[in-house]
Structures are given as structure tokens and as C-alpha cells.
Amino acid sequence: MRALGVRTDYRTARLEAELLLAHALGLSRAGLLARLADPLDAEATARFGAMVARREQGEPIAYILGHKGFYGLDLIVDRRVLIPRPETELLVELALSALKQVAHPAPVVADIGTGSGAIVLAMASQASSTRFIATDISPEALQVAQLNARRLNLLDRVEFFAGDLLEPVNEPVDMITANLPYIPLLRYDQLPREIRRFEPRVALAGGLEGLSVIRRLLEQVEAHATRAAIIFLEISEEQGKAARQLAESFFPKAIIQLHRDLEGLDRVVEIQLAGAV
């Protein structure tokens, strides 16, 4: 839950103002800082004012700017997709490290609920000998992911499929990564207003306890994964125990680990099937 918080301190507000003004002028932030004494023309003033008005209404700055940095990549984002969070980079790091241990010379990785493509494109940019598949139930989200893949010259590295979780995947995969909706139903209404109003609910709300979509994914694993597949799932920090128990109920012989983020909070569940399927 903390990963979805919204900071509104003075430094954040100043940074956002600088980013919006730089965007209005077609400059980088560094370029803006070098020209702070220059006067604004009428068109730039109007553009800046319009963006400030959108921000005052609570629209996330990533949507106003139209992009978001993630794992060294610049990703296009809009209201069709969830805004990538820095905490999700932990999942990427864990998955890339685990790929080095996969025996298959050309492993297949499926990123489920890919959204903007943040996870799969970050991995594809680093693992040239791996094949990647990305699925999402939202065709609109897939459009954004494919646009990002094209911009990053990774479109030939990732196959995109619209559908429910693993259902569109027609071959056994060696690894599954997923940042699925995990916000409990009652907690969703407590999220910051800008998240509830602007980010897609389908990418956030995870049912009564927050694990409904993850549960459905685990139900599909046996039909779509190799016997030694590894699964990485992002969770909310209070779900560690429940997520582990859920994984154990499906795969009692698997090796299951909880990984913590930089704040020391449970963030990723790793499931090593190792013959459990």
C-alpha cells in the first residue's frame, strides 16, 4: 500500500512545477534550470497554465507529461495504464538474477498483466537470449505496451497477447512475472484521490482480500508452466503471510520466498516450482 502513496511536500511540489514548465517549453529540466531568467512567451505560459490546472485537479504528473522513468527506460504512460512505481524494479532485479540460473538456453518468460510493459521491457532490454511474452486483459493497455516496445526497439523481442492472465499463452514458460491488482476492496476507497480518480481500477482492485487475481493466476500455472518454472509476484506489504500461504496451498512442494523492498516491507513473492507442478 505504501508504494501507492502520493507525496505532496514542498520539494515534490517544486520539482513537479519545474518538470511541467520544462515540458511546456520543450526542454529538459536541466535545460530549464539554465534558462530560469528567460521570459515566457504567451504560448508557453498558456501551455504551462493548462498543465498546472490539470495537476490541481489531481491528475498524476506522469499522465500530464505523458511518460515515466522505470529501470532506466523512458515509458509512455496515460490513463490506459497504471503508472510504474520504483518498488516494482525489485521484481525486475530478482527475475533477471533468476534467469541466470535457468537451465534452458533460451528461456521463455511470460509477464502477466503487463500494463505499460514496464516489467517485460526492462527485462527484455537486459536479457538478449530470452524470449518474452506479455499479456493483458485490457487491449487498450496492450496498445501502450506495444507503443513502448516500438519506441525502445524491443518490439521484435516481445510477443503481446490480449486475454485473461495466462490463457493466451500457448507454450510452457520457464518464468512468470506479474504485478497484478492486489488492493483489497475496502482499502481501495482509502487510496489517494488522484489514484482512484485517474489510474485504471482494473489494474488496482484485487477483490475482497486483494489476492483474488493472484489466486486465479496460480490456478492457471499448472497448464502453462514448465515443472521447474519460477514465479515472481508483486504484493502489498501487509500481504506477505497470506500470499505465502496461498502459494503453499497450490504448490506445497515449491520453494517460496518473500523479498522485501528498500523500506524493509514485503514486496515480492518468489515461487520456485522445482518439480512441484
C-alpha atoms as a PDB file:
ATOM      1  CA  MET A   1       0.000   0.000   0.000  1.00  0.00           C
ATOM      2  CA  ARG A   2       2.768   2.420   0.836  1.00  0.00           C
ATOM      3  CA  ALA A   3       4.084   2.037  -2.710  1.00  0.00           C
ATOM      4  CA  LEU A   4       0.904   3.715  -3.929  1.00  0.00           C
ATOM      5  CA  GLY A   5       1.187   6.739  -1.661  1.00  0.00           C
ATOM      6  CA  VAL A   6       1.276  10.288  -3.018  1.00  0.00           C
ATOM      7  CA  ARG A   7       3.894  12.745  -1.742  1.00  0.00           C
ATOM      8  CA  THR A   8       2.867  16.391  -1.553  1.00  0.00           C
ATOM      9  CA  ASP A   9       5.766  18.048   0.314  1.00  0.00           C
ATOM     10  CA  TYR A  10       7.319  21.329  -0.793  1.00  0.00           C
ATOM     11  CA  ARG A  11      10.269  19.748  -2.574  1.00  0.00           C
ATOM     12  CA  THR A  12       7.960  17.485  -4.557  1.00  0.00           C
ATOM     13  CA  ALA A  13       5.729  20.412  -5.491  1.00  0.00           C
ATOM     14  CA  ARG A  14       8.729  22.451  -6.665  1.00  0.00           C
ATOM     15  CA  LEU A  15      10.087  19.547  -8.686  1.00  0.00           C
ATOM     16  CA  GLU A  16       6.712  18.991 -10.319  1.00  0.00           C
ATOM     17  CA  ALA A  17       6.425  22.667 -11.210  1.00  0.00           C
ATOM     18  CA  GLU A  18       9.872  22.569 -12.806  1.00  0.00           C
ATOM     19  CA  LEU A  19       9.006  19.427 -14.774  1.00  0.00           C
ATOM     20  CA  LEU A  20       5.760  20.930 -16.032  1.00  0.00           C
ATOM     21  CA  LEU A  21       7.425  24.180 -17.037  1.00  0.00           C
ATOM     22  CA  ALA A  22      10.235  22.322 -18.798  1.00  0.00           C
ATOM     23  CA  HIS A  23       7.638  20.272 -20.662  1.00  0.00           C
ATOM     24  CA  ALA A  24       5.764  23.420 -21.667  1.00  0.00           C
ATOM     25  CA  LEU A  25       8.988  24.846 -23.099  1.00  0.00           C
ATOM     26  CA  GLY A  26      10.131  21.610 -24.740  1.00  0.00           C
ATOM     27  CA  LEU A  27      13.228  21.490 -22.553  1.00  0.00           C
ATOM     28  CA  SER A  28      14.838  19.032 -20.185  1.00  0.00           C
ATOM     29  CA  ARG A  29      14.758  20.001 -16.521  1.00  0.00           C
ATOM     30  CA  ALA A  30      18.482  20.791 -16.723  1.00  0.00           C
ATOM     31  CA  GLY A  31      17.816  22.994 -19.735  1.00  0.00           C
ATOM     32  CA  LEU A  32      15.091  24.812 -17.855  1.00  0.00           C
ATOM     33  CA  LEU A  33      17.310  25.493 -14.845  1.00  0.00           C
ATOM     34  CA  ALA A  34      19.874  27.040 -17.164  1.00  0.00           C
ATOM     35  CA  ARG A  35      17.245  29.446 -18.557  1.00  0.00           C
ATOM     36  CA  LEU A  36      15.197  30.374 -15.494  1.00  0.00           C
ATOM     37  CA  ALA A  37      15.796  34.088 -16.073  1.00  0.00           C
ATOM     38  CA  ASP A  38      14.369  33.985 -19.597  1.00  0.00           C
ATOM     39  CA  PRO A  39      10.851  35.427 -20.039  1.00  0.00           C
ATOM     40  CA  LEU A  40       7.963  33.144 -21.050  1.00  0.00           C
ATOM     41  CA  ASP A  41       6.118  33.795 -24.257  1.00  0.00           C
ATOM     42  CA  ALA A  42       2.309  33.714 -24.339  1.00  0.00           C
ATOM     43  CA  GLU A  43       2.048  30.217 -25.852  1.00  0.00           C
ATOM     44  CA  ALA A  44       4.373  28.652 -23.287  1.00  0.00           C
ATOM     45  CA  THR A  45       2.535  30.453 -20.485  1.00  0.00           C
ATOM     46  CA  ALA A  46      -0.779  29.064 -21.722  1.00  0.00           C
ATOM     47  CA  ARG A  47       0.606  25.527 -22.006  1.00  0.00           C
ATOM     48  CA  PHE A  48       2.089  25.716 -18.518  1.00  0.00           C
ATOM     49  CA  GLY A  49      -1.137  27.087 -17.072  1.00  0.00           C
ATOM     50  CA  ALA A  50      -3.192  24.324 -18.636  1.00  0.00           C
ATOM     51  CA  MET A  51      -0.903  21.664 -17.188  1.00  0.00           C
ATOM     52  CA  VAL A  52      -0.929  23.271 -13.748  1.00  0.00           C
ATOM     53  CA  ALA A  53      -4.730  23.276 -13.869  1.00  0.00           C
ATOM     54  CA  ARG A  54      -4.733  19.550 -14.638  1.00  0.00           C
ATOM     55  CA  ARG A  55      -2.368  18.925 -11.725  1.00  0.00           C
ATOM     56  CA  GLU A  56      -4.588  20.998  -9.412  1.00  0.00           C
ATOM     57  CA  GLN A  57      -7.434  18.632 -10.304  1.00  0.00           C
ATOM     58  CA  GLY A  58      -5.315  15.753  -9.034  1.00  0.00           C
ATOM     59  CA  GLU A  59      -4.173  14.288 -12.346  1.00  0.00           C
ATOM     60  CA  PRO A  60      -0.855  12.468 -11.801  1.00  0.00           C
ATOM     61  CA  ILE A  61       2.100  14.322 -13.227  1.00  0.00           C
ATOM     62  CA  ALA A  62       3.187  11.234 -15.182  1.00  0.00           C
ATOM     63  CA  TYR A  63      -0.037  11.391 -17.190  1.00  0.00           C
ATOM     64  CA  ILE A  64       0.355  15.128 -17.800  1.00  0.00           C
ATOM     65  CA  LEU A  65       3.940  14.699 -19.010  1.00  0.00           C
ATOM     66  CA  GLY A  66       2.982  11.531 -20.871  1.00  0.00           C
ATOM     67  CA  HIS A  67       5.913   9.444 -19.708  1.00  0.00           C
ATOM     68  CA  LYS A  68       7.542   7.844 -16.665  1.00  0.00           C
ATOM     69  CA  GLY A  69      11.038   6.544 -15.989  1.00  0.00           C
ATOM     70  CA  PHE A  70      11.398   2.907 -14.945  1.00  0.00           C
ATOM     71  CA  TYR A  71      14.561   0.800 -14.647  1.00  0.00           C
ATOM     72  CA  GLY A  72      16.438   3.219 -16.864  1.00  0.00           C
ATOM     73  CA  LEU A  73      13.740   3.235 -19.547  1.00  0.00           C
ATOM     74  CA  ASP A  74      11.518   6.141 -20.558  1.00  0.00           C
ATOM     75  CA  LEU A  75       7.987   4.749 -20.872  1.00  0.00           C
ATOM     76  CA  ILE A  76       4.921   6.369 -22.382  1.00  0.00           C
ATOM     77  CA  VAL A  77       2.048   6.291 -19.898  1.00  0.00           C
ATOM     78  CA  ASP A  78      -1.513   7.570 -19.961  1.00  0.00           C
ATOM     79  CA  ARG A  79      -4.816   6.761 -18.289  1.00  0.00           C
ATOM     80  CA  ARG A  80      -4.982   3.393 -20.046  1.00  0.00           C
ATOM     81  CA  VAL A  81      -2.240   2.000 -17.803  1.00  0.00           C
ATOM     82  CA  LEU A  82      -1.051   2.034 -14.206  1.00  0.00           C
ATOM     83  CA  ILE A  83       1.890   4.340 -13.566  1.00  0.00           C
ATOM     84  CA  PRO A  84       5.029   2.222 -12.924  1.00  0.00           C
ATOM     85  CA  ARG A  85       6.391   2.544  -9.381  1.00  0.00           C
ATOM     86  CA  PRO A  86      10.055   2.306  -8.312  1.00  0.00           C
ATOM     87  CA  GLU A  87       9.206  -0.557  -5.945  1.00  0.00           C
ATOM     88  CA  THR A  88       8.420  -2.793  -8.931  1.00  0.00           C
ATOM     89  CA  GLU A  89      12.062  -2.558 -10.012  1.00  0.00           C
ATOM     90  CA  LEU A  90      12.818  -5.069  -7.236  1.00  0.00           C
ATOM     91  CA  LEU A  91      10.781  -7.675  -9.116  1.00  0.00           C
ATOM     92  CA  VAL A  92      12.771  -6.960 -12.291  1.00  0.00           C
ATOM     93  CA  GLU A  93      16.076  -7.333 -10.469  1.00  0.00           C
ATOM     94  CA  LEU A  94      15.038 -10.623  -8.867  1.00  0.00           C
ATOM     95  CA  ALA A  95      13.748 -12.042 -12.140  1.00  0.00           C
ATOM     96  CA  LEU A  96      16.857 -11.073 -14.099  1.00  0.00           C
ATOM     97  CA  SER A  97      19.050 -12.654 -11.450  1.00  0.00           C
ATOM     98  CA  ALA A  98      16.981 -15.847 -11.506  1.00  0.00           C
ATOM     99  CA  LEU A  99      17.184 -16.026 -15.309  1.00  0.00           C
ATOM    100  CA  LYS A 100      20.909 -16.685 -14.991  1.00  0.00           C
ATOM    101  CA  GLN A 101      20.079 -19.910 -13.134  1.00  0.00           C
ATOM    102  CA  VAL A 102      17.576 -21.248 -15.671  1.00  0.00           C
ATOM    103  CA  ALA A 103      18.998 -24.329 -17.377  1.00  0.00           C
ATOM    104  CA  HIS A 104      17.180 -23.784 -20.672  1.00  0.00           C
ATOM    105  CA  PRO A 105      19.494 -21.965 -23.149  1.00  0.00           C
ATOM    106  CA  ALA A 106      16.590 -19.853 -24.489  1.00  0.00           C
ATOM    107  CA  PRO A 107      14.108 -19.482 -21.635  1.00  0.00           C
ATOM    108  CA  VAL A 108      10.591 -18.175 -22.145  1.00  0.00           C
ATOM    109  CA  VAL A 109       9.281 -15.515 -19.743  1.00  0.00           C
ATOM    110  CA  ALA A 110       5.617 -14.514 -19.521  1.00  0.00           C
ATOM    111  CA  ASP A 111       4.761 -11.133 -17.998  1.00  0.00           C
ATOM    112  CA  ILE A 112       1.121 -11.237 -16.963  1.00  0.00           C
ATOM    113  CA  GLY A 113      -0.950  -8.073 -16.673  1.00  0.00           C
ATOM    114  CA  THR A 114       1.817  -6.194 -18.431  1.00  0.00           C
ATOM    115  CA  GLY A 115       0.132  -2.759 -18.467  1.00  0.00           C
ATOM    116  CA  SER A 116       2.622  -0.247 -19.868  1.00  0.00           C
ATOM    117  CA  GLY A 117       5.079  -3.087 -20.444  1.00  0.00           C
ATOM    118  CA  ALA A 118       7.384  -1.805 -17.700  1.00  0.00           C
ATOM    119  CA  ILE A 119       8.491  -5.190 -16.354  1.00  0.00           C
ATOM    120  CA  VAL A 120       8.784  -7.107 -19.606  1.00  0.00           C
ATOM    121  CA  LEU A 121      10.552  -4.302 -21.464  1.00  0.00           C
ATOM    122  CA  ALA A 122      13.003  -3.716 -18.621  1.00  0.00           C
ATOM    123  CA  MET A 123      13.848  -7.413 -18.708  1.00  0.00           C
ATOM    124  CA  ALA A 124      13.965  -7.609 -22.496  1.00  0.00           C
ATOM    125  CA  SER A 125      16.429  -4.726 -22.566  1.00  0.00           C
ATOM    126  CA  GLN A 126      18.811  -6.753 -20.381  1.00  0.00           C
ATOM    127  CA  ALA A 127      18.318 -10.407 -21.396  1.00  0.00           C
ATOM    128  CA  SER A 128      19.018 -10.840 -25.106  1.00  0.00           C
ATOM    129  CA  SER A 129      18.863 -14.650 -25.160  1.00  0.00           C
ATOM    130  CA  THR A 130      15.389 -14.829 -23.594  1.00  0.00           C
ATOM    131  CA  ARG A 131      12.016 -14.935 -25.339  1.00  0.00           C
ATOM    132  CA  PHE A 132       9.294 -12.786 -23.805  1.00  0.00           C
ATOM    133  CA  ILE A 133       5.512 -12.973 -23.850  1.00  0.00           C
ATOM    134  CA  ALA A 134       3.279 -10.257 -22.401  1.00  0.00           C
ATOM    135  CA  THR A 135      -0.457 -10.471 -21.751  1.00  0.00           C
ATOM    136  CA  ASP A 136      -3.105  -8.086 -20.525  1.00  0.00           C
ATOM    137  CA  ILE A 137      -6.875  -8.291 -20.281  1.00  0.00           C
ATOM    138  CA  SER A 138      -7.072  -4.695 -21.495  1.00  0.00           C
ATOM    139  CA  PRO A 139      -6.496  -4.210 -25.249  1.00  0.00           C
ATOM    140  CA  GLU A 140      -6.012  -0.503 -24.539  1.00  0.00           C
ATOM    141  CA  ALA A 141      -3.171  -1.253 -22.119  1.00  0.00           C
ATOM    142  CA  LEU A 142      -1.554  -3.538 -24.685  1.00  0.00           C
ATOM    143  CA  GLN A 143      -1.570  -0.681 -27.170  1.00  0.00           C
ATOM    144  CA  VAL A 144       0.536   1.348 -24.760  1.00  0.00           C
ATOM    145  CA  ALA A 145       2.887  -1.580 -24.094  1.00  0.00           C
ATOM    146  CA  GLN A 146       3.389  -2.169 -27.810  1.00  0.00           C
ATOM    147  CA  LEU A 147       3.998   1.532 -28.386  1.00  0.00           C
ATOM    148  CA  ASN A 148       6.683   1.456 -25.708  1.00  0.00           C
ATOM    149  CA  ALA A 149       8.236  -1.672 -27.200  1.00  0.00           C
ATOM    150  CA  ARG A 150       8.390   0.020 -30.594  1.00  0.00           C
ATOM    151  CA  ARG A 151       9.942   3.207 -29.192  1.00  0.00           C
ATOM    152  CA  LEU A 152      12.586   1.172 -27.339  1.00  0.00           C
ATOM    153  CA  ASN A 153      13.371  -1.043 -30.350  1.00  0.00           C
ATOM    154  CA  LEU A 154      12.187  -4.107 -28.431  1.00  0.00           C
ATOM    155  CA  LEU A 155       9.102  -4.976 -30.467  1.00  0.00           C
ATOM    156  CA  ASP A 156      10.838  -7.995 -32.005  1.00  0.00           C
ATOM    157  CA  ARG A 157      11.765  -9.295 -28.541  1.00  0.00           C
ATOM    158  CA  VAL A 158       8.264  -9.458 -27.029  1.00  0.00           C
ATOM    159  CA  GLU A 159       5.048 -11.134 -28.220  1.00  0.00           C
ATOM    160  CA  PHE A 160       1.898  -9.397 -26.986  1.00  0.00           C
ATOM    161  CA  PHE A 161      -1.444 -11.140 -26.418  1.00  0.00           C
ATOM    162  CA  ALA A 162      -4.792  -9.847 -25.189  1.00  0.00           C
ATOM    163  CA  GLY A 163      -6.543 -12.158 -22.758  1.00  0.00           C
ATOM    164  CA  ASP A 164      -7.086 -13.247 -19.189  1.00  0.00           C
ATOM    165  CA  LEU A 165      -3.817 -13.882 -17.364  1.00  0.00           C
ATOM    166  CA  LEU A 166      -2.070 -16.997 -18.763  1.00  0.00           C
ATOM    167  CA  GLU A 167      -4.917 -18.114 -21.013  1.00  0.00           C
ATOM    168  CA  PRO A 168      -3.461 -16.615 -24.231  1.00  0.00           C
ATOM    169  CA  VAL A 169      -0.083 -18.323 -23.664  1.00  0.00           C
ATOM    170  CA  ASN A 170       0.136 -21.417 -25.865  1.00  0.00           C
ATOM    171  CA  GLU A 171       3.500 -22.839 -24.778  1.00  0.00           C
ATOM    172  CA  PRO A 172       5.138 -23.796 -21.463  1.00  0.00           C
ATOM    173  CA  VAL A 173       7.012 -20.916 -19.877  1.00  0.00           C
ATOM    174  CA  ASP A 174      10.089 -21.030 -17.684  1.00  0.00           C
ATOM    175  CA  MET A 175       9.288 -17.892 -15.699  1.00  0.00           C
ATOM    176  CA  ILE A 176       6.222 -15.840 -14.838  1.00  0.00           C
ATOM    177  CA  THR A 177       6.357 -12.234 -13.676  1.00  0.00           C
ATOM    178  CA  ALA A 178       3.276 -10.325 -12.596  1.00  0.00           C
ATOM    179  CA  ASN A 179       2.315  -7.065 -10.942  1.00  0.00           C
ATOM    180  CA  LEU A 180      -1.382  -7.845 -10.752  1.00  0.00           C
ATOM    181  CA  PRO A 181      -4.162  -5.919  -8.961  1.00  0.00           C
ATOM    182  CA  TYR A 182      -3.629  -6.506  -5.236  1.00  0.00           C
ATOM    183  CA  ILE A 183      -5.508  -3.747  -3.421  1.00  0.00           C
ATOM    184  CA  PRO A 184      -8.237  -5.157  -1.094  1.00  0.00           C
ATOM    185  CA  LEU A 185     -11.761  -3.973  -1.829  1.00  0.00           C
ATOM    186  CA  LEU A 186     -12.210  -1.974   1.374  1.00  0.00           C
ATOM    187  CA  ARG A 187      -8.725  -0.448   1.101  1.00  0.00           C
ATOM    188  CA  TYR A 188      -9.303   0.731  -2.462  1.00  0.00           C
ATOM    189  CA  ASP A 189     -11.622   3.512  -1.253  1.00  0.00           C
ATOM    190  CA  GLN A 190      -8.823   4.731   1.034  1.00  0.00           C
ATOM    191  CA  LEU A 191      -6.294   5.208  -1.754  1.00  0.00           C
ATOM    192  CA  PRO A 192      -5.282   8.796  -2.552  1.00  0.00           C
ATOM    193  CA  ARG A 193      -7.877  10.557  -4.653  1.00  0.00           C
ATOM    194  CA  GLU A 194      -5.578  11.031  -7.627  1.00  0.00           C
ATOM    195  CA  ILE A 195      -5.045   7.278  -7.866  1.00  0.00           C
ATOM    196  CA  ARG A 196      -8.728   6.379  -7.574  1.00  0.00           C
ATOM    197  CA  ARG A 197      -9.834   9.078  -9.985  1.00  0.00           C
ATOM    198  CA  PHE A 198      -7.234   8.694 -12.719  1.00  0.00           C
ATOM    199  CA  GLU A 199      -5.488   5.302 -12.660  1.00  0.00           C
ATOM    200  CA  PRO A 200      -7.385   2.281 -14.056  1.00  0.00           C
ATOM    201  CA  ARG A 201      -9.317   0.444 -11.359  1.00  0.00           C
ATOM    202  CA  VAL A 202      -8.868  -2.846 -13.218  1.00  0.00           C
ATOM    203  CA  ALA A 203      -5.117  -2.566 -12.604  1.00  0.00           C
ATOM    204  CA  LEU A 204      -5.528  -1.932  -8.866  1.00  0.00           C
ATOM    205  CA  ALA A 205      -8.528  -3.629  -7.249  1.00  0.00           C
ATOM    206  CA  GLY A 206      -7.750  -7.211  -6.308  1.00  0.00           C
ATOM    207  CA  GLY A 207     -11.037  -8.371  -4.810  1.00  0.00           C
ATOM    208  CA  LEU A 208     -12.153  -8.684  -1.196  1.00  0.00           C
ATOM    209  CA  GLU A 209      -8.733  -9.563   0.274  1.00  0.00           C
ATOM    210  CA  GLY A 210      -6.592  -8.269  -2.584  1.00  0.00           C
ATOM    211  CA  LEU A 211      -5.462 -11.717  -3.717  1.00  0.00           C
ATOM    212  CA  SER A 212      -8.316 -12.760  -5.998  1.00  0.00           C
ATOM    213  CA  VAL A 213      -6.485 -12.133  -9.273  1.00  0.00           C
ATOM    214  CA  ILE A 214      -3.268 -13.674  -7.969  1.00  0.00           C
ATOM    215  CA  ARG A 215      -5.249 -16.738  -6.938  1.00  0.00           C
ATOM    216  CA  ARG A 216      -6.685 -17.085 -10.434  1.00  0.00           C
ATOM    217  CA  LEU A 217      -3.207 -16.810 -11.910  1.00  0.00           C
ATOM    218  CA  LEU A 218      -1.897 -19.581  -9.670  1.00  0.00           C
ATOM    219  CA  GLU A 219      -4.831 -21.750 -10.747  1.00  0.00           C
ATOM    220  CA  GLN A 220      -3.601 -21.463 -14.342  1.00  0.00           C
ATOM    221  CA  VAL A 221       0.082 -22.150 -13.706  1.00  0.00           C
ATOM    222  CA  GLU A 222      -0.046 -25.951 -13.994  1.00  0.00           C
ATOM    223  CA  ALA A 223      -1.344 -25.779 -17.570  1.00  0.00           C
ATOM    224  CA  HIS A 224       1.133 -23.150 -18.737  1.00  0.00           C
ATOM    225  CA  ALA A 225       4.460 -23.531 -16.893  1.00  0.00           C
ATOM    226  CA  THR A 226       7.353 -25.937 -17.012  1.00  0.00           C
ATOM    227  CA  ARG A 227       7.888 -28.159 -13.984  1.00  0.00           C
ATOM    228  CA  ALA A 228      10.843 -26.036 -12.844  1.00  0.00           C
ATOM    229  CA  ALA A 229       9.333 -22.624 -13.544  1.00  0.00           C
ATOM    230  CA  ILE A 230       9.899 -19.644 -11.273  1.00  0.00           C
ATOM    231  CA  ILE A 231       7.133 -17.158 -10.466  1.00  0.00           C
ATOM    232  CA  PHE A 232       7.581 -13.594  -9.213  1.00  0.00           C
ATOM    233  CA  LEU A 233       4.520 -11.749  -7.883  1.00  0.00           C
ATOM    234  CA  GLU A 234       4.371  -8.222  -6.540  1.00  0.00           C
ATOM    235  CA  ILE A 235       2.179  -7.834  -3.448  1.00  0.00           C
ATOM    236  CA  SER A 236       1.187  -5.190  -0.917  1.00  0.00           C
ATOM    237  CA  GLU A 237       3.363  -5.048   2.184  1.00  0.00           C
ATOM    238  CA  GLU A 238       0.686  -6.447   4.511  1.00  0.00           C
ATOM    239  CA  GLN A 239       0.010  -9.488   2.307  1.00  0.00           C
ATOM    240  CA  GLY A 240       3.259 -11.401   2.804  1.00  0.00           C
ATOM    241  CA  LYS A 241       1.911 -14.095   5.133  1.00  0.00           C
ATOM    242  CA  ALA A 242      -1.357 -14.536   3.254  1.00  0.00           C
ATOM    243  CA  ALA A 243       0.382 -14.631  -0.125  1.00  0.00           C
ATOM    244  CA  ARG A 244       2.844 -17.246   1.091  1.00  0.00           C
ATOM    245  CA  GLN A 245       0.030 -19.401   2.443  1.00  0.00           C
ATOM    246  CA  LEU A 246      -1.846 -19.040  -0.842  1.00  0.00           C
ATOM    247  CA  ALA A 247       1.206 -20.143  -2.822  1.00  0.00           C
ATOM    248  CA  GLU A 248       1.755 -23.088  -0.474  1.00  0.00           C
ATOM    249  CA  SER A 249      -1.843 -24.210  -0.936  1.00  0.00           C
ATOM    250  CA  PHE A 250      -1.226 -24.547  -4.686  1.00  0.00           C
ATOM    251  CA  PHE A 251       2.374 -25.735  -4.587  1.00  0.00           C
ATOM    252  CA  PRO A 252       3.158 -27.419  -1.247  1.00  0.00           C
ATOM    253  CA  LYS A 253       6.493 -28.753  -2.532  1.00  0.00           C
ATOM    254  CA  ALA A 254       7.708 -25.469  -4.001  1.00  0.00           C
ATOM    255  CA  ILE A 255      10.371 -23.231  -2.517  1.00  0.00           C
ATOM    256  CA  ILE A 256       8.644 -19.989  -1.571  1.00  0.00           C
ATOM    257  CA  GLN A 257      10.410 -16.793  -0.517  1.00  0.00           C
ATOM    258  CA  LEU A 258       9.318 -13.304   0.424  1.00  0.00           C
ATOM    259  CA  HIS A 259      11.537 -10.437  -0.709  1.00  0.00           C
ATOM    260  CA  ARG A 260      11.497  -7.033   0.935  1.00  0.00           C
ATOM    261  CA  ASP A 261      11.869  -3.639  -0.714  1.00  0.00           C
ATOM    262  CA  LEU A 262      14.267  -0.863   0.307  1.00  0.00           C
ATOM    263  CA  GLU A 263      11.910   0.150   3.123  1.00  0.00           C
ATOM    264  CA  GLY A 264      12.070  -3.364   4.576  1.00  0.00           C
ATOM    265  CA  LEU A 265       8.498  -4.192   3.524  1.00  0.00           C
ATOM    266  CA  ASP A 266       7.304  -7.420   1.944  1.00  0.00           C
ATOM    267  CA  ARG A 267       7.014  -6.677  -1.779  1.00  0.00           C
ATOM    268  CA  VAL A 268       7.648  -9.765  -3.940  1.00  0.00           C
ATOM    269  CA  VAL A 269       6.716 -13.428  -3.579  1.00  0.00           C
ATOM    270  CA  GLU A 270       9.046 -15.842  -5.350  1.00  0.00           C
ATOM    271  CA  ILE A 271       7.788 -19.366  -6.071  1.00  0.00           C
ATOM    272  CA  GLN A 272      10.310 -21.913  -7.346  1.00  0.00           C
ATOM    273  CA  LEU A 273       8.257 -24.842  -8.540  1.00  0.00           C
ATOM    274  CA  ALA A 274      11.237 -27.201  -8.918  1.00  0.00           C
ATOM    275  CA  GLY A 275       9.072 -30.184  -9.853  1.00  0.00           C
ATOM    276  CA  ALA A 276       6.071 -29.193  -7.734  1.00  0.00           C
ATOM    277  CA  VAL A 277       3.745 -28.792 -10.721  1.00  0.00           C
END
